[in-house]
Amino acid sequence: MEHVLSRIWSTVLGLPGLDRGQGLFASGIVHVLSVLRARERIALALRVDVPLSTMLQCQTMAQLARSVRASADSVEKLEVRAWAVASLAPLEDAEWVRAVTALETEAK
């Protein structure tokens, strides 16, 4: 789970992988638009709607992972989905969106 969240944030911020305990907002490069992009990607990748207020309160990747799990209808399905998303090769934005969307199609 945290690996997927780290990849999402890394892509949104244009940075290499983020550590689970690294402060998301301490660097000063995360702003509301970044949070909105990350939230959108989390919803697409993991099929979980994390409230914006919750996203803004999470200071680390570990806290965000706990909040995502708490927002999920089924933690088991969430973990399966996270594993599938994590298995995707690193892709550019549009390719990543297509690949994540294809996961949903393949599951049906």
PDB file of N, CA and C in Angstrom:
ATOM      1  N   MET A   1       0.828  -1.187   0.000  1.00  0.00           N
ATOM      2  CA  MET A   1       0.000   0.000   0.000  1.00  0.00           C
ATOM      3  C   MET A   1       0.877   1.257   0.000  1.00  0.00           C
ATOM      4  N   GLU A   2       1.790   1.332   0.949  1.00  0.00           N
ATOM      5  CA  GLU A   2       2.625   2.525   1.049  1.00  0.00           C
ATOM      6  C   GLU A   2       3.488   2.713  -0.197  1.00  0.00           C
ATOM      7  N   HIS A   3       3.873   1.593  -0.815  1.00  0.00           N
ATOM      8  CA  HIS A   3       4.667   1.677  -2.044  1.00  0.00           C
ATOM      9  C   HIS A   3       3.868   2.382  -3.143  1.00  0.00           C
ATOM     10  N   VAL A   4       2.601   2.040  -3.263  1.00  0.00           N
ATOM     11  CA  VAL A   4       1.745   2.673  -4.273  1.00  0.00           C
ATOM     12  C   VAL A   4       1.585   4.161  -3.963  1.00  0.00           C
ATOM     13  N   LEU A   5       1.325   4.480  -2.712  1.00  0.00           N
ATOM     14  CA  LEU A   5       1.170   5.885  -2.327  1.00  0.00           C
ATOM     15  C   LEU A   5       2.459   6.659  -2.571  1.00  0.00           C
ATOM     16  N   SER A   6       3.586   6.043  -2.283  1.00  0.00           N
ATOM     17  CA  SER A   6       4.873   6.692  -2.525  1.00  0.00           C
ATOM     18  C   SER A   6       5.084   6.957  -4.013  1.00  0.00           C
ATOM     19  N   ARG A   7       4.737   5.980  -4.835  1.00  0.00           N
ATOM     20  CA  ARG A   7       4.881   6.172  -6.291  1.00  0.00           C
ATOM     21  C   ARG A   7       3.968   7.279  -6.786  1.00  0.00           C
ATOM     22  N   ILE A   8       2.752   7.328  -6.252  1.00  0.00           N
ATOM     23  CA  ILE A   8       1.819   8.384  -6.663  1.00  0.00           C
ATOM     24  C   ILE A   8       2.382   9.743  -6.286  1.00  0.00           C
ATOM     25  N   TRP A   9       2.787   9.908  -5.030  1.00  0.00           N
ATOM     26  CA  TRP A   9       3.330  11.200  -4.595  1.00  0.00           C
ATOM     27  C   TRP A   9       4.607  11.550  -5.348  1.00  0.00           C
ATOM     28  N   SER A  10       5.468  10.574  -5.597  1.00  0.00           N
ATOM     29  CA  SER A  10       6.709  10.825  -6.328  1.00  0.00           C
ATOM     30  C   SER A  10       6.416  11.350  -7.726  1.00  0.00           C
ATOM     31  N   THR A  11       5.419  10.752  -8.371  1.00  0.00           N
ATOM     32  CA  THR A  11       5.034  11.195  -9.710  1.00  0.00           C
ATOM     33  C   THR A  11       4.452  12.602  -9.674  1.00  0.00           C
ATOM     34  N   VAL A  12       3.559  12.840  -8.737  1.00  0.00           N
ATOM     35  CA  VAL A  12       2.920  14.155  -8.623  1.00  0.00           C
ATOM     36  C   VAL A  12       3.956  15.250  -8.351  1.00  0.00           C
ATOM     37  N   LEU A  13       4.916  14.940  -7.478  1.00  0.00           N
ATOM     38  CA  LEU A  13       5.912  15.944  -7.088  1.00  0.00           C
ATOM     39  C   LEU A  13       7.139  15.961  -7.989  1.00  0.00           C
ATOM     40  N   GLY A  14       7.285  14.947  -8.836  1.00  0.00           N
ATOM     41  CA  GLY A  14       8.463  14.874  -9.692  1.00  0.00           C
ATOM     42  C   GLY A  14       9.734  14.588  -8.907  1.00  0.00           C
ATOM     43  N   LEU A  15       9.601  13.769  -7.854  1.00  0.00           N
ATOM     44  CA  LEU A  15      10.735  13.427  -6.986  1.00  0.00           C
ATOM     45  C   LEU A  15      10.940  11.917  -6.977  1.00  0.00           C
ATOM     46  N   PRO A  16      12.159  11.480  -6.604  1.00  0.00           N
ATOM     47  CA  PRO A  16      12.341  10.032  -6.427  1.00  0.00           C
ATOM     48  C   PRO A  16      11.518   9.546  -5.245  1.00  0.00           C
ATOM     49  N   GLY A  17      11.454   8.244  -5.029  1.00  0.00           N
ATOM     50  CA  GLY A  17      10.634   7.640  -3.983  1.00  0.00           C
ATOM     51  C   GLY A  17      10.698   8.340  -2.642  1.00  0.00           C
ATOM     52  N   LEU A  18       9.564   8.408  -1.991  1.00  0.00           N
ATOM     53  CA  LEU A  18       9.468   9.032  -0.684  1.00  0.00           C
ATOM     54  C   LEU A  18       9.451   7.955   0.400  1.00  0.00           C
ATOM     55  N   ASP A  19      10.095   8.220   1.504  1.00  0.00           N
ATOM     56  CA  ASP A  19      10.145   7.297   2.627  1.00  0.00           C
ATOM     57  C   ASP A  19       8.832   7.340   3.394  1.00  0.00           C
ATOM     58  N   ARG A  20       8.455   6.219   4.028  1.00  0.00           N
ATOM     59  CA  ARG A  20       7.177   6.143   4.752  1.00  0.00           C
ATOM     60  C   ARG A  20       7.074   7.135   5.896  1.00  0.00           C
ATOM     61  N   GLY A  21       8.189   7.522   6.474  1.00  0.00           N
ATOM     62  CA  GLY A  21       8.163   8.460   7.594  1.00  0.00           C
ATOM     63  C   GLY A  21       8.503   9.886   7.207  1.00  0.00           C
ATOM     64  N   GLN A  22       8.803  10.093   5.939  1.00  0.00           N
ATOM     65  CA  GLN A  22       9.172  11.426   5.463  1.00  0.00           C
ATOM     66  C   GLN A  22       7.976  12.357   5.504  1.00  0.00           C
ATOM     67  N   GLY A  23       8.187  13.563   6.006  1.00  0.00           N
ATOM     68  CA  GLY A  23       7.110  14.539   6.073  1.00  0.00           C
ATOM     69  C   GLY A  23       6.700  14.998   4.688  1.00  0.00           C
ATOM     70  N   LEU A  24       5.425  14.906   4.394  1.00  0.00           N
ATOM     71  CA  LEU A  24       4.938  15.315   3.079  1.00  0.00           C
ATOM     72  C   LEU A  24       4.949  16.825   2.910  1.00  0.00           C
ATOM     73  N   PHE A  25       4.684  17.522   3.971  1.00  0.00           N
ATOM     74  CA  PHE A  25       4.550  18.970   3.859  1.00  0.00           C
ATOM     75  C   PHE A  25       5.773  19.720   4.370  1.00  0.00           C
ATOM     76  N   ALA A  26       6.696  19.022   5.010  1.00  0.00           N
ATOM     77  CA  ALA A  26       7.872  19.667   5.591  1.00  0.00           C
ATOM     78  C   ALA A  26       8.767  20.301   4.530  1.00  0.00           C
ATOM     79  N   SER A  27       8.804  19.704   3.353  1.00  0.00           N
ATOM     80  CA  SER A  27       9.692  20.204   2.303  1.00  0.00           C
ATOM     81  C   SER A  27       9.221  21.528   1.716  1.00  0.00           C
ATOM     82  N   GLY A  28       7.950  21.837   1.895  1.00  0.00           N
ATOM     83  CA  GLY A  28       7.410  23.078   1.353  1.00  0.00           C
ATOM     84  C   GLY A  28       7.028  23.004  -0.112  1.00  0.00           C
ATOM     85  N   ILE A  29       7.247  21.845  -0.759  1.00  0.00           N
ATOM     86  CA  ILE A  29       6.913  21.751  -2.179  1.00  0.00           C
ATOM     87  C   ILE A  29       5.522  21.170  -2.426  1.00  0.00           C
ATOM     88  N   VAL A  30       4.898  20.679  -1.366  1.00  0.00           N
ATOM     89  CA  VAL A  30       3.535  20.158  -1.502  1.00  0.00           C
ATOM     90  C   VAL A  30       2.558  21.304  -1.261  1.00  0.00           C
ATOM     91  N   HIS A  31       1.690  21.524  -2.224  1.00  0.00           N
ATOM     92  CA  HIS A  31       0.661  22.543  -2.061  1.00  0.00           C
ATOM     93  C   HIS A  31      -0.689  21.910  -2.391  1.00  0.00           C
ATOM     94  N   VAL A  32      -1.732  22.652  -2.252  1.00  0.00           N
ATOM     95  CA  VAL A  32      -3.086  22.120  -2.401  1.00  0.00           C
ATOM     96  C   VAL A  32      -3.290  21.470  -3.771  1.00  0.00           C
ATOM     97  N   LEU A  33      -2.751  22.037  -4.825  1.00  0.00           N
ATOM     98  CA  LEU A  33      -2.923  21.429  -6.149  1.00  0.00           C
ATOM     99  C   LEU A  33      -2.248  20.061  -6.221  1.00  0.00           C
ATOM    100  N   SER A  34      -1.108  19.927  -5.569  1.00  0.00           N
ATOM    101  CA  SER A  34      -0.430  18.628  -5.512  1.00  0.00           C
ATOM    102  C   SER A  34      -1.287  17.620  -4.757  1.00  0.00           C
ATOM    103  N   VAL A  35      -1.884  18.057  -3.668  1.00  0.00           N
ATOM    104  CA  VAL A  35      -2.742  17.183  -2.871  1.00  0.00           C
ATOM    105  C   VAL A  35      -3.947  16.747  -3.710  1.00  0.00           C
ATOM    106  N   LEU A  36      -4.528  17.660  -4.457  1.00  0.00           N
ATOM    107  CA  LEU A  36      -5.675  17.320  -5.305  1.00  0.00           C
ATOM    108  C   LEU A  36      -5.285  16.303  -6.376  1.00  0.00           C
ATOM    109  N   ARG A  37      -4.120  16.486  -6.995  1.00  0.00           N
ATOM    110  CA  ARG A  37      -3.645  15.524  -8.001  1.00  0.00           C
ATOM    111  C   ARG A  37      -3.407  14.160  -7.381  1.00  0.00           C
ATOM    112  N   ALA A  38      -2.761  14.141  -6.217  1.00  0.00           N
ATOM    113  CA  ALA A  38      -2.487  12.876  -5.539  1.00  0.00           C
ATOM    114  C   ALA A  38      -3.797  12.197  -5.142  1.00  0.00           C
ATOM    115  N   ARG A  39      -4.742  12.970  -4.643  1.00  0.00           N
ATOM    116  CA  ARG A  39      -6.045  12.424  -4.236  1.00  0.00           C
ATOM    117  C   ARG A  39      -6.759  11.788  -5.429  1.00  0.00           C
ATOM    118  N   GLU A  40      -6.708  12.446  -6.565  1.00  0.00           N
ATOM    119  CA  GLU A  40      -7.328  11.932  -7.784  1.00  0.00           C
ATOM    120  C   GLU A  40      -6.678  10.611  -8.208  1.00  0.00           C
ATOM    121  N   ARG A  41      -5.357  10.555  -8.136  1.00  0.00           N
ATOM    122  CA  ARG A  41      -4.629   9.341  -8.513  1.00  0.00           C
ATOM    123  C   ARG A  41      -4.894   8.201  -7.529  1.00  0.00           C
ATOM    124  N   ILE A  42      -4.988   8.527  -6.245  1.00  0.00           N
ATOM    125  CA  ILE A  42      -5.300   7.507  -5.245  1.00  0.00           C
ATOM    126  C   ILE A  42      -6.686   6.927  -5.519  1.00  0.00           C
ATOM    127  N   ALA A  43      -7.643   7.793  -5.824  1.00  0.00           N
ATOM    128  CA  ALA A  43      -9.007   7.339  -6.121  1.00  0.00           C
ATOM    129  C   ALA A  43      -9.015   6.431  -7.352  1.00  0.00           C
ATOM    130  N   LEU A  44      -8.271   6.796  -8.372  1.00  0.00           N
ATOM    131  CA  LEU A  44      -8.207   6.000  -9.599  1.00  0.00           C
ATOM    132  C   LEU A  44      -7.492   4.674  -9.351  1.00  0.00           C
ATOM    133  N   ALA A  45      -6.352   4.744  -8.686  1.00  0.00           N
ATOM    134  CA  ALA A  45      -5.531   3.551  -8.497  1.00  0.00           C
ATOM    135  C   ALA A  45      -6.117   2.573  -7.501  1.00  0.00           C
ATOM    136  N   LEU A  46      -6.631   3.089  -6.402  1.00  0.00           N
ATOM    137  CA  LEU A  46      -7.045   2.219  -5.296  1.00  0.00           C
ATOM    138  C   LEU A  46      -8.549   2.140  -5.094  1.00  0.00           C
ATOM    139  N   ARG A  47      -9.294   2.924  -5.875  1.00  0.00           N
ATOM    140  CA  ARG A  47     -10.757   2.942  -5.760  1.00  0.00           C
ATOM    141  C   ARG A  47     -11.203   3.318  -4.347  1.00  0.00           C
ATOM    142  N   VAL A  48     -10.515   4.313  -3.773  1.00  0.00           N
ATOM    143  CA  VAL A  48     -10.834   4.798  -2.434  1.00  0.00           C
ATOM    144  C   VAL A  48     -10.933   6.320  -2.502  1.00  0.00           C
ATOM    145  N   ASP A  49     -12.006   6.855  -1.943  1.00  0.00           N
ATOM    146  CA  ASP A  49     -12.194   8.302  -1.904  1.00  0.00           C
ATOM    147  C   ASP A  49     -11.756   8.813  -0.535  1.00  0.00           C
ATOM    148  N   VAL A  50     -10.562   9.350  -0.481  1.00  0.00           N
ATOM    149  CA  VAL A  50     -10.042   9.903   0.770  1.00  0.00           C
ATOM    150  C   VAL A  50     -10.429  11.381   0.807  1.00  0.00           C
ATOM    151  N   PRO A  51     -11.121  11.814   1.850  1.00  0.00           N
ATOM    152  CA  PRO A  51     -11.511  13.223   1.929  1.00  0.00           C
ATOM    153  C   PRO A  51     -10.297  14.161   1.851  1.00  0.00           C
ATOM    154  N   LEU A  52     -10.484  15.268   1.197  1.00  0.00           N
ATOM    155  CA  LEU A  52      -9.403  16.247   1.070  1.00  0.00           C
ATOM    156  C   LEU A  52      -8.893  16.676   2.441  1.00  0.00           C
ATOM    157  N   SER A  53      -9.783  16.882   3.383  1.00  0.00           N
ATOM    158  CA  SER A  53      -9.358  17.296   4.723  1.00  0.00           C
ATOM    159  C   SER A  53      -8.447  16.242   5.354  1.00  0.00           C
ATOM    160  N   THR A  54      -8.735  14.980   5.111  1.00  0.00           N
ATOM    161  CA  THR A  54      -7.890  13.900   5.626  1.00  0.00           C
ATOM    162  C   THR A  54      -6.526  13.935   4.954  1.00  0.00           C
ATOM    163  N   MET A  55      -6.516  14.133   3.658  1.00  0.00           N
ATOM    164  CA  MET A  55      -5.241  14.218   2.923  1.00  0.00           C
ATOM    165  C   MET A  55      -4.367  15.329   3.487  1.00  0.00           C
ATOM    166  N   LEU A  56      -4.985  16.452   3.803  1.00  0.00           N
ATOM    167  CA  LEU A  56      -4.224  17.592   4.318  1.00  0.00           C
ATOM    168  C   LEU A  56      -3.716  17.363   5.737  1.00  0.00           C
ATOM    169  N   GLN A  57      -4.384  16.494   6.477  1.00  0.00           N
ATOM    170  CA  GLN A  57      -3.977  16.214   7.851  1.00  0.00           C
ATOM    171  C   GLN A  57      -2.855  15.189   7.936  1.00  0.00           C
ATOM    172  N   CYS A  58      -2.714  14.349   6.930  1.00  0.00           N
ATOM    173  CA  CYS A  58      -1.688  13.301   6.948  1.00  0.00           C
ATOM    174  C   CYS A  58      -0.316  13.911   6.688  1.00  0.00           C
ATOM    175  N   GLN A  59       0.557  13.767   7.644  1.00  0.00           N
ATOM    176  CA  GLN A  59       1.886  14.361   7.540  1.00  0.00           C
ATOM    177  C   GLN A  59       2.918  13.427   6.923  1.00  0.00           C
ATOM    178  N   THR A  60       2.674  12.113   6.972  1.00  0.00           N
ATOM    179  CA  THR A  60       3.622  11.136   6.433  1.00  0.00           C
ATOM    180  C   THR A  60       2.898  10.116   5.561  1.00  0.00           C
ATOM    181  N   MET A  61       3.687   9.362   4.806  1.00  0.00           N
ATOM    182  CA  MET A  61       3.133   8.314   3.962  1.00  0.00           C
ATOM    183  C   MET A  61       2.446   7.253   4.823  1.00  0.00           C
ATOM    184  N   ALA A  62       3.018   6.942   5.975  1.00  0.00           N
ATOM    185  CA  ALA A  62       2.428   5.941   6.876  1.00  0.00           C
ATOM    186  C   ALA A  62       1.052   6.398   7.369  1.00  0.00           C
ATOM    187  N   GLN A  63       0.923   7.665   7.728  1.00  0.00           N
ATOM    188  CA  GLN A  63      -0.376   8.189   8.165  1.00  0.00           C
ATOM    189  C   GLN A  63      -1.380   8.151   7.022  1.00  0.00           C
ATOM    190  N   LEU A  64      -0.924   8.497   5.827  1.00  0.00           N
ATOM    191  CA  LEU A  64      -1.805   8.470   4.667  1.00  0.00           C
ATOM    192  C   LEU A  64      -2.273   7.042   4.387  1.00  0.00           C
ATOM    193  N   ALA A  65      -1.374   6.072   4.497  1.00  0.00           N
ATOM    194  CA  ALA A  65      -1.744   4.672   4.270  1.00  0.00           C
ATOM    195  C   ALA A  65      -2.822   4.233   5.270  1.00  0.00           C
ATOM    196  N   ARG A  66      -2.676   4.628   6.520  1.00  0.00           N
ATOM    197  CA  ARG A  66      -3.699   4.289   7.523  1.00  0.00           C
ATOM    198  C   ARG A  66      -5.041   4.923   7.165  1.00  0.00           C
ATOM    199  N   SER A  67      -5.006   6.169   6.707  1.00  0.00           N
ATOM    200  CA  SER A  67      -6.246   6.866   6.333  1.00  0.00           C
ATOM    201  C   SER A  67      -6.901   6.238   5.108  1.00  0.00           C
ATOM    202  N   VAL A  68      -6.089   5.814   4.153  1.00  0.00           N
ATOM    203  CA  VAL A  68      -6.631   5.147   2.967  1.00  0.00           C
ATOM    204  C   VAL A  68      -7.304   3.845   3.379  1.00  0.00           C
ATOM    205  N   ARG A  69      -6.650   3.081   4.239  1.00  0.00           N
ATOM    206  CA  ARG A  69      -7.250   1.829   4.712  1.00  0.00           C
ATOM    207  C   ARG A  69      -8.565   2.099   5.449  1.00  0.00           C
ATOM    208  N   ALA A  70      -8.587   3.142   6.261  1.00  0.00           N
ATOM    209  CA  ALA A  70      -9.792   3.482   7.021  1.00  0.00           C
ATOM    210  C   ALA A  70     -10.927   3.934   6.099  1.00  0.00           C
ATOM    211  N   SER A  71     -10.591   4.494   4.949  1.00  0.00           N
ATOM    212  CA  SER A  71     -11.606   4.978   4.009  1.00  0.00           C
ATOM    213  C   SER A  71     -12.120   3.879   3.084  1.00  0.00           C
ATOM    214  N   ALA A  72     -11.445   2.747   3.049  1.00  0.00           N
ATOM    215  CA  ALA A  72     -11.802   1.665   2.121  1.00  0.00           C
ATOM    216  C   ALA A  72     -13.018   0.891   2.613  1.00  0.00           C
ATOM    217  N   ASP A  73     -13.818   0.429   1.665  1.00  0.00           N
ATOM    218  CA  ASP A  73     -14.952  -0.432   1.997  1.00  0.00           C
ATOM    219  C   ASP A  73     -14.462  -1.802   2.460  1.00  0.00           C
ATOM    220  N   SER A  74     -13.396  -2.290   1.826  1.00  0.00           N
ATOM    221  CA  SER A  74     -12.828  -3.597   2.152  1.00  0.00           C
ATOM    222  C   SER A  74     -11.306  -3.492   2.112  1.00  0.00           C
ATOM    223  N   VAL A  75     -10.671  -3.669   3.244  1.00  0.00           N
ATOM    224  CA  VAL A  75      -9.214  -3.592   3.302  1.00  0.00           C
ATOM    225  C   VAL A  75      -8.600  -4.721   2.476  1.00  0.00           C
ATOM    226  N   GLU A  76      -9.228  -5.879   2.480  1.00  0.00           N
ATOM    227  CA  GLU A  76      -8.709  -7.010   1.698  1.00  0.00           C
ATOM    228  C   GLU A  76      -8.691  -6.676   0.207  1.00  0.00           C
ATOM    229  N   LYS A  77      -9.806  -6.151  -0.304  1.00  0.00           N
ATOM    230  CA  LYS A  77      -9.858  -5.773  -1.720  1.00  0.00           C
ATOM    231  C   LYS A  77      -8.880  -4.638  -2.012  1.00  0.00           C
ATOM    232  N   LEU A  78      -8.739  -3.723  -1.078  1.00  0.00           N
ATOM    233  CA  LEU A  78      -7.797  -2.614  -1.235  1.00  0.00           C
ATOM    234  C   LEU A  78      -6.372  -3.135  -1.371  1.00  0.00           C
ATOM    235  N   GLU A  79      -5.989  -4.078  -0.531  1.00  0.00           N
ATOM    236  CA  GLU A  79      -4.632  -4.625  -0.577  1.00  0.00           C
ATOM    237  C   GLU A  79      -4.382  -5.376  -1.887  1.00  0.00           C
ATOM    238  N   VAL A  80      -5.389  -6.098  -2.367  1.00  0.00           N
ATOM    239  CA  VAL A  80      -5.258  -6.798  -3.652  1.00  0.00           C
ATOM    240  C   VAL A  80      -5.069  -5.785  -4.771  1.00  0.00           C
ATOM    241  N   ARG A  81      -5.872  -4.735  -4.734  1.00  0.00           N
ATOM    242  CA  ARG A  81      -5.770  -3.688  -5.756  1.00  0.00           C
ATOM    243  C   ARG A  81      -4.407  -2.996  -5.677  1.00  0.00           C
ATOM    244  N   ALA A  82      -3.946  -2.700  -4.467  1.00  0.00           N
ATOM    245  CA  ALA A  82      -2.647  -2.043  -4.288  1.00  0.00           C
ATOM    246  C   ALA A  82      -1.534  -2.918  -4.841  1.00  0.00           C
ATOM    247  N   TRP A  83      -1.620  -4.224  -4.616  1.00  0.00           N
ATOM    248  CA  TRP A  83      -0.610  -5.135  -5.139  1.00  0.00           C
ATOM    249  C   TRP A  83      -0.598  -5.092  -6.663  1.00  0.00           C
ATOM    250  N   ALA A  84      -1.781  -5.088  -7.277  1.00  0.00           N
ATOM    251  CA  ALA A  84      -1.879  -5.054  -8.742  1.00  0.00           C
ATOM    252  C   ALA A  84      -1.297  -3.751  -9.295  1.00  0.00           C
ATOM    253  N   VAL A  85      -1.614  -2.644  -8.655  1.00  0.00           N
ATOM    254  CA  VAL A  85      -1.097  -1.348  -9.103  1.00  0.00           C
ATOM    255  C   VAL A  85       0.417  -1.286  -8.909  1.00  0.00           C
ATOM    256  N   ALA A  86       0.901  -1.810  -7.786  1.00  0.00           N
ATOM    257  CA  ALA A  86       2.344  -1.794  -7.509  1.00  0.00           C
ATOM    258  C   ALA A  86       3.116  -2.625  -8.519  1.00  0.00           C
ATOM    259  N   SER A  87       2.475  -3.627  -9.100  1.00  0.00           N
ATOM    260  CA  SER A  87       3.166  -4.488 -10.061  1.00  0.00           C
ATOM    261  C   SER A  87       3.325  -3.838 -11.435  1.00  0.00           C
ATOM    262  N   LEU A  88       2.664  -2.713 -11.669  1.00  0.00           N
ATOM    263  CA  LEU A  88       2.804  -2.007 -12.943  1.00  0.00           C
ATOM    264  C   LEU A  88       4.202  -1.413 -13.064  1.00  0.00           C
ATOM    265  N   ALA A  89       4.728  -1.454 -14.256  1.00  0.00           N
ATOM    266  CA  ALA A  89       6.021  -0.821 -14.513  1.00  0.00           C
ATOM    267  C   ALA A  89       5.868   0.692 -14.402  1.00  0.00           C
ATOM    268  N   PRO A  90       6.940   1.405 -14.090  1.00  0.00           N
ATOM    269  CA  PRO A  90       6.864   2.873 -14.086  1.00  0.00           C
ATOM    270  C   PRO A  90       6.462   3.377 -15.475  1.00  0.00           C
ATOM    271  N   LEU A  91       5.465   4.216 -15.514  1.00  0.00           N
ATOM    272  CA  LEU A  91       4.926   4.720 -16.779  1.00  0.00           C
ATOM    273  C   LEU A  91       4.735   6.220 -16.708  1.00  0.00           C
ATOM    274  N   GLU A  92       4.652   6.843 -17.863  1.00  0.00           N
ATOM    275  CA  GLU A  92       4.316   8.267 -17.938  1.00  0.00           C
ATOM    276  C   GLU A  92       2.847   8.434 -17.555  1.00  0.00           C
ATOM    277  N   ASP A  93       2.458   9.665 -17.242  1.00  0.00           N
ATOM    278  CA  ASP A  93       1.108   9.948 -16.733  1.00  0.00           C
ATOM    279  C   ASP A  93      -0.023   9.270 -17.499  1.00  0.00           C
ATOM    280  N   ALA A  94      -0.153   9.566 -18.782  1.00  0.00           N
ATOM    281  CA  ALA A  94      -1.276   9.048 -19.565  1.00  0.00           C
ATOM    282  C   ALA A  94      -1.227   7.529 -19.661  1.00  0.00           C
ATOM    283  N   GLU A  95      -0.029   6.964 -19.833  1.00  0.00           N
ATOM    284  CA  GLU A  95       0.108   5.510 -19.900  1.00  0.00           C
ATOM    285  C   GLU A  95      -0.278   4.864 -18.568  1.00  0.00           C
ATOM    286  N   TRP A  96       0.105   5.504 -17.454  1.00  0.00           N
ATOM    287  CA  TRP A  96      -0.219   4.989 -16.133  1.00  0.00           C
ATOM    288  C   TRP A  96      -1.737   4.963 -15.932  1.00  0.00           C
ATOM    289  N   VAL A  97      -2.404   6.028 -16.318  1.00  0.00           N
ATOM    290  CA  VAL A  97      -3.864   6.103 -16.187  1.00  0.00           C
ATOM    291  C   VAL A  97      -4.513   4.986 -17.005  1.00  0.00           C
ATOM    292  N   ARG A  98      -4.045   4.772 -18.229  1.00  0.00           N
ATOM    293  CA  ARG A  98      -4.598   3.698 -19.059  1.00  0.00           C
ATOM    294  C   ARG A  98      -4.360   2.330 -18.419  1.00  0.00           C
ATOM    295  N   ALA A  99      -3.157   2.117 -17.899  1.00  0.00           N
ATOM    296  CA  ALA A  99      -2.819   0.825 -17.294  1.00  0.00           C
ATOM    297  C   ALA A  99      -3.657   0.562 -16.043  1.00  0.00           C
ATOM    298  N   VAL A 100      -3.828   1.582 -15.216  1.00  0.00           N
ATOM    299  CA  VAL A 100      -4.627   1.424 -13.989  1.00  0.00           C
ATOM    300  C   VAL A 100      -6.090   1.187 -14.351  1.00  0.00           C
ATOM    301  N   THR A 101      -6.578   1.890 -15.342  1.00  0.00           N
ATOM    302  CA  THR A 101      -7.952   1.704 -15.796  1.00  0.00           C
ATOM    303  C   THR A 101      -8.143   0.303 -16.373  1.00  0.00           C
ATOM    304  N   ALA A 102      -7.135  -0.199 -17.067  1.00  0.00           N
ATOM    305  CA  ALA A 102      -7.197  -1.542 -17.638  1.00  0.00           C
ATOM    306  C   ALA A 102      -7.277  -2.608 -16.551  1.00  0.00           C
ATOM    307  N   LEU A 103      -6.685  -2.343 -15.393  1.00  0.00           N
ATOM    308  CA  LEU A 103      -6.784  -3.298 -14.274  1.00  0.00           C
ATOM    309  C   LEU A 103      -8.237  -3.543 -13.910  1.00  0.00           C
ATOM    310  N   GLU A 104      -9.025  -2.496 -13.931  1.00  0.00           N
ATOM    311  CA  GLU A 104     -10.458  -2.602 -13.611  1.00  0.00           C
ATOM    312  C   GLU A 104     -11.169  -3.451 -14.651  1.00  0.00           C
ATOM    313  N   THR A 105     -10.823  -3.248 -15.918  1.00  0.00           N
ATOM    314  CA  THR A 105     -11.439  -4.004 -17.007  1.00  0.00           C
ATOM    315  C   THR A 105     -11.076  -5.482 -16.912  1.00  0.00           C
ATOM    316  N   GLU A 106      -9.799  -5.767 -16.586  1.00  0.00           N
ATOM    317  CA  GLU A 106      -9.347  -7.149 -16.487  1.00  0.00           C
ATOM    318  C   GLU A 106     -10.007  -7.877 -15.321  1.00  0.00           C
ATOM    319  N   ALA A 107     -10.333  -7.143 -14.274  1.00  0.00           N
ATOM    320  CA  ALA A 107     -10.928  -7.752 -13.082  1.00  0.00           C
ATOM    321  C   ALA A 107     -12.371  -8.196 -13.321  1.00  0.00           C
ATOM    322  N   LYS A 108     -12.995  -7.641 -14.335  1.00  0.00           N
ATOM    323  CA  LYS A 108     -14.410  -7.964 -14.594  1.00  0.00           C
ATOM    324  C   LYS A 108     -14.567  -9.219 -15.401  1.00  0.00           C
TER     325      LYS A 108
END
